[in-house]
Amino acid sequence: MRLGLLGPANDRDDLLERAVRFLTKDLPVHRAVYLGLDAALERVVGALASLAVGDDPNVGALWQRAAQRCAQASPSELDAFLEAERERLALMVFGSLPGADTRLVELLNGKVAVMIHDKALLDEDDIASATYLVFGKSAEPLVKPIGSRWFLSPGPLETHGIMLLEDGPDGVEMTLFDAQCREVRRERLSAGTSARLQVSS
């Protein structure tokens, strides 16, 4: 399982578009969550989907697109159609937080990850049940263990804003990327350890 985490764009749709392209083409994820509270992800993903397949990128219009473009298509045109639809399909892994106090939950290596915008809204049940507490509202990236739990934030997209959590046989590995999609930190999130986030320049 590869979970992508995107920090708030803060009106920088260009940075969010770069991050979305990165998580679809260079580092394909199974799911990605935008931790901001604006409509930036919907704008960016919608624009990329329209760029790939046309003005109506909705799933419901797939058969109409196929009928219009494939009935008399050459093999190369069919290949192009399928590749465009694959690009659209890849964008469906992205989702946003439904609201300021709404949590999303994911399982990573059998452990619960709770995702929310503001960590101040985490309650006792969230903290008791989760190993990974992920939030978007942060001036900088955060990777902080407290006991057996990890508090994680990718930070804003102006500086960093892209985090990958990947589970495997040895646990969950965190990778942090900067705004140019360059890896700046990698760490295995082991329970009961202590670490400080150090970002390389």
Protein backbone atom coordinates (compact mmCIF):
# COMPACT_ATOMS: atom_id res chain seq x y z
CA MET A 1 0.00 0.00 0.00
CA ARG A 2 1.35 3.39 -1.02
CA LEU A 3 -0.46 6.34 0.55
CA GLY A 4 0.35 9.80 -0.78
CA LEU A 5 -0.23 12.84 1.42
CA LEU A 6 -0.45 16.36 0.01
CA GLY A 7 -0.21 19.46 2.16
CA PRO A 8 -2.30 22.60 1.59
CA ALA A 9 -1.69 24.39 -1.71
CA ASN A 10 -2.52 27.87 -0.36
CA ASP A 11 -3.66 29.15 -3.77
CA ARG A 12 -0.70 27.60 -5.60
CA ASP A 13 -2.53 25.32 -8.02
CA ASP A 14 0.67 25.04 -10.06
CA LEU A 15 2.47 23.36 -7.18
CA LEU A 16 -0.45 21.06 -6.54
CA GLU A 17 -0.58 20.09 -10.21
CA ARG A 18 3.13 19.23 -10.11
CA ALA A 19 2.56 17.09 -7.02
CA VAL A 20 -0.43 15.31 -8.58
CA ARG A 21 1.57 14.53 -11.72
CA PHE A 22 4.45 13.28 -9.55
CA LEU A 23 2.20 10.89 -7.61
CA THR A 24 0.59 9.53 -10.76
CA LYS A 25 3.51 9.27 -13.19
CA ASP A 26 6.77 9.13 -11.23
CA LEU A 27 5.67 7.57 -7.96
CA PRO A 28 2.31 5.86 -8.55
CA VAL A 29 0.28 5.60 -5.35
CA HIS A 30 -2.71 3.46 -4.46
CA ARG A 31 -4.40 6.38 -2.71
CA ALA A 32 -3.61 10.05 -2.16
CA VAL A 33 -5.25 12.48 0.25
CA TYR A 34 -5.14 16.27 0.00
CA LEU A 35 -5.00 17.68 3.54
CA GLY A 36 -6.10 21.23 2.70
CA LEU A 37 -9.65 22.52 3.10
CA ASP A 38 -10.02 24.43 -0.17
CA ALA A 39 -11.25 23.18 -3.55
CA ALA A 40 -7.78 23.18 -5.12
CA LEU A 41 -7.57 19.41 -5.61
CA GLU A 42 -10.93 19.29 -7.40
CA ARG A 43 -9.83 22.10 -9.72
CA VAL A 44 -6.45 20.57 -10.51
CA VAL A 45 -7.62 16.98 -10.95
CA GLY A 46 -10.61 18.10 -13.02
CA ALA A 47 -8.37 20.16 -15.30
CA LEU A 48 -5.90 17.29 -15.76
CA ALA A 49 -8.71 14.84 -16.50
CA SER A 50 -10.19 17.19 -19.10
CA LEU A 51 -6.77 17.67 -20.64
CA ALA A 52 -6.43 13.90 -20.98
CA VAL A 53 -9.85 12.94 -22.38
CA GLY A 54 -11.80 16.08 -23.27
CA ASP A 55 -14.41 18.42 -21.89
CA ASP A 56 -16.43 15.75 -20.02
CA PRO A 57 -14.02 13.50 -18.12
CA ASN A 58 -16.72 11.87 -15.99
CA VAL A 59 -16.92 8.08 -15.85
CA GLY A 60 -20.49 8.24 -17.13
CA ALA A 61 -19.29 9.74 -20.40
CA LEU A 62 -16.79 6.96 -21.10
CA TRP A 63 -19.02 5.03 -23.51
CA GLN A 64 -19.91 8.20 -25.36
CA ARG A 65 -16.23 9.05 -25.74
CA ALA A 66 -15.50 5.50 -26.91
CA ALA A 67 -18.32 5.58 -29.48
CA GLN A 68 -17.18 8.93 -30.88
CA ARG A 69 -13.47 8.16 -31.08
CA CYS A 70 -13.15 4.42 -31.60
CA ALA A 71 -15.77 3.41 -34.16
CA GLN A 72 -13.54 4.29 -37.14
CA ALA A 73 -10.24 4.61 -35.30
CA SER A 74 -6.91 3.28 -36.49
CA PRO A 75 -4.81 1.08 -34.17
CA SER A 76 -2.65 4.06 -33.20
CA GLU A 77 -5.75 6.14 -32.44
CA LEU A 78 -7.13 3.32 -30.29
CA ASP A 79 -3.86 3.17 -28.39
CA ALA A 80 -3.98 6.92 -27.82
CA PHE A 81 -7.58 6.68 -26.59
CA LEU A 82 -6.72 3.93 -24.12
CA GLU A 83 -3.67 5.78 -22.83
CA ALA A 84 -5.75 8.91 -22.23
CA GLU A 85 -8.34 6.90 -20.32
CA ARG A 86 -5.57 5.33 -18.23
CA GLU A 87 -4.38 8.83 -17.34
CA ARG A 88 -7.91 9.77 -16.29
CA LEU A 89 -8.27 6.58 -14.28
CA ALA A 90 -4.99 7.21 -12.45
CA LEU A 91 -6.40 10.51 -11.15
CA MET A 92 -9.20 8.69 -9.34
CA VAL A 93 -6.85 7.75 -6.48
CA PHE A 94 -6.94 11.38 -5.26
CA GLY A 95 -9.36 12.54 -2.62
CA SER A 96 -9.83 15.45 -0.23
CA LEU A 97 -10.85 15.75 3.39
CA PRO A 98 -14.65 16.17 3.42
CA GLY A 99 -14.54 18.94 6.04
CA ALA A 100 -12.53 20.69 8.73
CA ASP A 101 -13.44 18.26 11.51
CA THR A 102 -13.84 15.15 9.36
CA ARG A 103 -11.41 12.28 9.63
CA LEU A 104 -10.33 9.83 6.99
CA VAL A 105 -9.00 6.45 8.10
CA GLU A 106 -6.60 4.10 6.33
CA LEU A 107 -4.81 0.91 7.34
CA LEU A 108 -1.04 0.74 6.91
CA ASN A 109 0.70 -2.50 7.80
CA GLY A 110 -2.25 -3.41 9.97
CA LYS A 111 -2.09 -0.11 11.90
CA VAL A 112 -4.64 2.70 11.79
CA ALA A 113 -3.79 6.04 10.19
CA VAL A 114 -6.17 8.90 10.98
CA MET A 115 -6.05 11.91 8.65
CA ILE A 116 -7.44 15.34 9.55
CA HIS A 117 -6.72 18.98 8.67
CA ASP A 118 -6.04 20.37 12.15
CA LYS A 119 -4.42 18.16 14.80
CA ALA A 120 -6.11 20.28 17.51
CA LEU A 121 -9.37 18.56 16.52
CA LEU A 122 -8.06 15.08 17.26
CA ASP A 123 -9.92 13.56 20.19
CA GLU A 124 -9.11 10.81 22.67
CA ASP A 125 -10.67 8.12 20.48
CA ASP A 126 -8.52 9.16 17.52
CA ILE A 127 -5.34 9.06 19.58
CA ALA A 128 -6.23 5.80 21.32
CA SER A 129 -7.03 3.92 18.13
CA ALA A 130 -4.38 5.26 15.73
CA THR A 131 -0.68 4.65 15.27
CA TYR A 132 -0.29 7.36 12.60
CA LEU A 133 -1.94 10.74 13.21
CA VAL A 134 -1.71 12.75 10.00
CA PHE A 135 -2.68 16.41 9.65
CA GLY A 136 -2.40 19.18 7.08
CA LYS A 137 -2.34 22.40 9.13
CA SER A 138 1.34 22.96 9.78
CA ALA A 139 3.84 25.66 8.85
CA GLU A 140 6.50 23.01 8.17
CA PRO A 141 6.80 19.24 7.79
CA LEU A 142 6.55 17.21 10.96
CA VAL A 143 7.62 13.65 11.70
CA LYS A 144 7.38 13.20 15.46
CA PRO A 145 7.06 10.01 17.50
CA ILE A 146 5.28 10.20 20.84
CA GLY A 147 5.30 6.85 22.56
CA SER A 148 4.05 4.28 20.08
CA ARG A 149 2.36 6.89 17.87
CA TRP A 150 3.60 9.10 15.07
CA PHE A 151 2.38 12.62 14.36
CA LEU A 152 2.93 13.38 10.68
CA SER A 153 2.44 16.39 8.44
CA PRO A 154 3.82 16.98 4.93
CA GLY A 155 3.81 20.75 5.47
CA PRO A 156 2.57 23.26 2.88
CA LEU A 157 3.30 22.77 -0.80
CA GLU A 158 5.27 26.02 -0.99
CA THR A 159 8.17 24.34 0.80
CA HIS A 160 7.52 20.60 0.91
CA GLY A 161 3.98 19.24 1.03
CA ILE A 162 4.44 15.74 -0.42
CA MET A 163 4.75 12.73 1.85
CA LEU A 164 4.62 9.04 1.01
CA LEU A 165 3.72 6.31 3.49
CA GLU A 166 4.47 2.85 2.18
CA ASP A 167 3.88 -0.37 4.09
CA GLY A 168 5.92 -3.48 3.69
CA PRO A 169 7.08 -6.57 5.57
CA ASP A 170 9.29 -4.49 7.88
CA GLY A 171 6.75 -1.82 8.73
CA VAL A 172 5.87 1.60 7.30
CA GLU A 173 8.42 3.77 5.56
CA MET A 174 7.94 7.54 5.30
CA THR A 175 9.46 9.59 2.50
CA LEU A 176 9.24 13.38 2.39
CA PHE A 177 9.64 15.41 -0.81
CA ASP A 178 10.12 19.12 -1.34
CA ALA A 179 8.13 21.40 -3.64
CA GLN A 180 10.29 20.33 -6.60
CA CYS A 181 9.47 16.65 -5.88
CA ARG A 182 12.98 15.90 -4.66
CA GLU A 183 13.40 13.41 -1.83
CA VAL A 184 14.67 15.14 1.31
CA ARG A 185 13.94 12.62 4.07
CA ARG A 186 13.34 8.91 4.44
CA GLU A 187 12.62 7.10 7.68
CA ARG A 188 11.13 3.83 8.85
CA LEU A 189 8.35 4.60 11.33
CA SER A 190 9.10 2.17 14.13
CA ALA A 191 7.06 2.21 17.32
CA GLY A 192 8.77 3.45 20.43
CA THR A 193 11.65 5.28 18.77
CA SER A 194 12.56 8.95 18.85
CA ALA A 195 13.63 11.10 15.95
CA ARG A 196 13.81 14.68 14.79
CA LEU A 197 12.95 15.85 11.32
CA GLN A 198 15.97 17.18 9.50
CA VAL A 199 15.45 18.48 6.00
CA SER A 200 18.41 18.50 3.66
CA SER A 201 18.93 21.54 1.44
